[in-house]
Every structure is written in C-alpha cells, then in structure tokens.
Amino acid sequence: MNLLSINLWAINTEFMMIAMIIAVAMSVMLKNLPILGIQGILATAFYFSFPSLTLLTILQFIFSAFIFYRLTRALEYNYHLILEKTHQEERYYTRGGSSGRRKTFL
C-alpha cells in the first residue's frame, strides 16, 4: 500500500462535516430557523445518499458561503448601528424613532 495514497471519500466527508458545523453555528447567530432547517435537510441528505456526495458538497459550500455573506452583512449592520447610537455617524438605521432592532438578519 502506498503511504501517499489519499482517501478522497474520507476527505470529502470530513470537509462536509466541518462545513455543516460552521454553517449551523452561523445560522444560529443569524437567528433564523428556516436556514437551520435547510441545514438539517442537507445533513440528512448527506447521511443517506452516498452516490451524490460531490453534488451535496457543492451545495453545502454554496449554502455556507451564502450564510457567511449574510453574517458579514449583519455584523456590518451592527457596527453602523453602534456608531449611530454613539453619535459618531449620521442617523440612517435609527431614523424616525426606530431603535434599529431586527428579529432576524436574513
């Protein structure tokens, strides 16, 4: 057996599990249950369908990138909201007496 041989299936599953864990954590931070449900459906599909692992890996990567984008937008929103509330920036989100709170950041 060659010591340099790589088991691509094992790398693919490890990558998927790491991506799933990170995506679940980010969706919890975004406070959005539908996204968490979609992540659960992807995890279940990954567990039960071995022939389409490549497709599921691509879908998981795209989904994780989308969640990461929305999380960075939420962080940017929070940063500007703090600047507004400390009067370091012109009022935009808190215009008209709004507190700037959001139920979800998706």
C-alpha atoms as a PDB file:
ATOM      1  CA  MET A   1       0.000   0.000   0.000  1.00  0.00           C
ATOM      2  CA  ASN A   2       1.295   3.424  -0.927  1.00  0.00           C
ATOM      3  CA  LEU A   3       1.790   5.763   2.033  1.00  0.00           C
ATOM      4  CA  LEU A   4       0.950   8.769  -0.124  1.00  0.00           C
ATOM      5  CA  SER A   5      -2.419   7.456  -1.280  1.00  0.00           C
ATOM      6  CA  ILE A   6      -5.296   9.719  -0.312  1.00  0.00           C
ATOM      7  CA  ASN A   7      -8.750   8.540   0.544  1.00  0.00           C
ATOM      8  CA  LEU A   8     -10.841  11.187  -1.225  1.00  0.00           C
ATOM      9  CA  TRP A   9     -14.094   9.968   0.291  1.00  0.00           C
ATOM     10  CA  ALA A  10     -12.757  10.475   3.821  1.00  0.00           C
ATOM     11  CA  ILE A  11     -11.537  13.987   2.981  1.00  0.00           C
ATOM     12  CA  ASN A  12     -14.885  14.812   1.390  1.00  0.00           C
ATOM     13  CA  THR A  13     -16.852  13.666   4.450  1.00  0.00           C
ATOM     14  CA  GLU A  14     -14.543  15.486   6.856  1.00  0.00           C
ATOM     15  CA  PHE A  15     -14.873  18.675   4.808  1.00  0.00           C
ATOM     16  CA  MET A  16     -18.658  18.310   4.748  1.00  0.00           C
ATOM     17  CA  MET A  17     -18.903  17.770   8.494  1.00  0.00           C
ATOM     18  CA  ILE A  18     -16.752  20.820   9.220  1.00  0.00           C
ATOM     19  CA  ALA A  19     -18.765  22.932   6.766  1.00  0.00           C
ATOM     20  CA  MET A  20     -22.026  21.717   8.339  1.00  0.00           C
ATOM     21  CA  ILE A  21     -20.910  22.549  11.864  1.00  0.00           C
ATOM     22  CA  ILE A  22     -19.760  26.023  10.834  1.00  0.00           C
ATOM     23  CA  ALA A  23     -22.969  26.673   8.853  1.00  0.00           C
ATOM     24  CA  VAL A  24     -25.133  25.587  11.803  1.00  0.00           C
ATOM     25  CA  ALA A  25     -23.219  27.896  14.132  1.00  0.00           C
ATOM     26  CA  MET A  26     -23.574  30.821  11.727  1.00  0.00           C
ATOM     27  CA  SER A  27     -27.295  30.186  11.203  1.00  0.00           C
ATOM     28  CA  VAL A  28     -27.818  30.170  14.979  1.00  0.00           C
ATOM     29  CA  MET A  29     -26.012  33.528  15.158  1.00  0.00           C
ATOM     30  CA  LEU A  30     -28.318  34.851  12.421  1.00  0.00           C
ATOM     31  CA  LYS A  31     -31.348  33.736  14.500  1.00  0.00           C
ATOM     32  CA  ASN A  32     -33.105  32.120  11.559  1.00  0.00           C
ATOM     33  CA  LEU A  33     -34.943  28.804  11.944  1.00  0.00           C
ATOM     34  CA  PRO A  34     -35.678  28.172   8.213  1.00  0.00           C
ATOM     35  CA  ILE A  35     -31.963  28.305   7.437  1.00  0.00           C
ATOM     36  CA  LEU A  36     -31.306  25.898  10.300  1.00  0.00           C
ATOM     37  CA  GLY A  37     -33.982  23.594   8.832  1.00  0.00           C
ATOM     38  CA  ILE A  38     -32.382  23.698   5.385  1.00  0.00           C
ATOM     39  CA  GLN A  39     -29.075  22.839   7.014  1.00  0.00           C
ATOM     40  CA  GLY A  40     -30.740  19.863   8.716  1.00  0.00           C
ATOM     41  CA  ILE A  41     -32.159  18.685   5.380  1.00  0.00           C
ATOM     42  CA  LEU A  42     -28.699  18.931   3.801  1.00  0.00           C
ATOM     43  CA  ALA A  43     -27.178  16.972   6.700  1.00  0.00           C
ATOM     44  CA  THR A  44     -29.826  14.263   6.380  1.00  0.00           C
ATOM     45  CA  ALA A  45     -29.368  14.066   2.608  1.00  0.00           C
ATOM     46  CA  PHE A  46     -25.611  13.813   3.092  1.00  0.00           C
ATOM     47  CA  TYR A  47     -26.039  10.985   5.580  1.00  0.00           C
ATOM     48  CA  PHE A  48     -28.383   8.923   3.417  1.00  0.00           C
ATOM     49  CA  SER A  49     -27.104   9.465  -0.140  1.00  0.00           C
ATOM     50  CA  PHE A  50     -23.624   8.275  -0.940  1.00  0.00           C
ATOM     51  CA  PRO A  51     -23.720   8.476  -4.792  1.00  0.00           C
ATOM     52  CA  SER A  52     -24.278  12.239  -4.902  1.00  0.00           C
ATOM     53  CA  LEU A  53     -21.695  13.323  -2.344  1.00  0.00           C
ATOM     54  CA  THR A  54     -19.987  15.669  -4.777  1.00  0.00           C
ATOM     55  CA  LEU A  55     -23.241  17.471  -5.533  1.00  0.00           C
ATOM     56  CA  LEU A  56     -24.063  17.735  -1.835  1.00  0.00           C
ATOM     57  CA  THR A  57     -20.571  19.063  -1.120  1.00  0.00           C
ATOM     58  CA  ILE A  58     -21.038  21.784  -3.744  1.00  0.00           C
ATOM     59  CA  LEU A  59     -24.497  22.647  -2.375  1.00  0.00           C
ATOM     60  CA  GLN A  60     -23.117  22.788   1.168  1.00  0.00           C
ATOM     61  CA  PHE A  61     -20.280  25.059   0.058  1.00  0.00           C
ATOM     62  CA  ILE A  62     -22.687  27.441  -1.728  1.00  0.00           C
ATOM     63  CA  PHE A  63     -25.067  27.427   1.231  1.00  0.00           C
ATOM     64  CA  SER A  64     -22.228  28.093   3.695  1.00  0.00           C
ATOM     65  CA  ALA A  65     -20.946  30.957   1.528  1.00  0.00           C
ATOM     66  CA  PHE A  66     -24.447  32.493   1.475  1.00  0.00           C
ATOM     67  CA  ILE A  67     -24.743  32.229   5.254  1.00  0.00           C
ATOM     68  CA  PHE A  68     -21.264  33.728   5.677  1.00  0.00           C
ATOM     69  CA  TYR A  69     -22.244  36.651   3.425  1.00  0.00           C
ATOM     70  CA  ARG A  70     -25.413  37.306   5.424  1.00  0.00           C
ATOM     71  CA  LEU A  71     -23.445  37.078   8.680  1.00  0.00           C
ATOM     72  CA  THR A  72     -20.929  39.664   7.487  1.00  0.00           C
ATOM     73  CA  ARG A  73     -23.833  41.938   6.470  1.00  0.00           C
ATOM     74  CA  ALA A  74     -25.337  41.511   9.960  1.00  0.00           C
ATOM     75  CA  LEU A  75     -22.003  42.388  11.564  1.00  0.00           C
ATOM     76  CA  GLU A  76     -21.703  45.462   9.362  1.00  0.00           C
ATOM     77  CA  TYR A  77     -25.270  46.483  10.285  1.00  0.00           C
ATOM     78  CA  ASN A  78     -24.484  46.098  13.982  1.00  0.00           C
ATOM     79  CA  TYR A  79     -21.269  48.101  13.642  1.00  0.00           C
ATOM     80  CA  HIS A  80     -23.052  51.020  11.936  1.00  0.00           C
ATOM     81  CA  LEU A  81     -25.898  50.834  14.441  1.00  0.00           C
ATOM     82  CA  ILE A  82     -23.433  51.209  17.304  1.00  0.00           C
ATOM     83  CA  LEU A  83     -21.803  54.157  15.544  1.00  0.00           C
ATOM     84  CA  GLU A  84     -25.229  55.791  15.133  1.00  0.00           C
ATOM     85  CA  LYS A  85     -26.214  55.282  18.736  1.00  0.00           C
ATOM     86  CA  THR A  86     -22.955  56.780  19.975  1.00  0.00           C
ATOM     87  CA  HIS A  87     -23.441  59.775  17.630  1.00  0.00           C
ATOM     88  CA  GLN A  88     -20.307  59.056  15.624  1.00  0.00           C
ATOM     89  CA  GLU A  89     -22.261  58.596  12.403  1.00  0.00           C
ATOM     90  CA  GLU A  90     -25.301  60.245  10.801  1.00  0.00           C
ATOM     91  CA  ARG A  91     -28.622  58.541  11.642  1.00  0.00           C
ATOM     92  CA  TYR A  92     -29.683  56.078   8.962  1.00  0.00           C
ATOM     93  CA  TYR A  93     -30.993  52.909  10.634  1.00  0.00           C
ATOM     94  CA  THR A  94     -32.490  54.703  13.631  1.00  0.00           C
ATOM     95  CA  ARG A  95     -34.252  57.412  11.642  1.00  0.00           C
ATOM     96  CA  GLY A  96     -37.815  58.245  12.692  1.00  0.00           C
ATOM     97  CA  GLY A  97     -37.532  56.928  16.229  1.00  0.00           C
ATOM     98  CA  SER A  98     -36.682  53.368  15.232  1.00  0.00           C
ATOM     99  CA  SER A  99     -34.426  51.517  17.666  1.00  0.00           C
ATOM    100  CA  GLY A 100     -32.705  49.624  14.860  1.00  0.00           C
ATOM    101  CA  ARG A 101     -33.604  46.205  16.249  1.00  0.00           C
ATOM    102  CA  ARG A 102     -34.182  43.249  13.940  1.00  0.00           C
ATOM    103  CA  LYS A 103     -35.813  39.913  14.605  1.00  0.00           C
ATOM    104  CA  THR A 104     -33.662  38.110  12.046  1.00  0.00           C
ATOM    105  CA  PHE A 105     -30.679  39.105   9.935  1.00  0.00           C
ATOM    106  CA  LEU A 106     -31.522  37.079   6.848  1.00  0.00           C
END
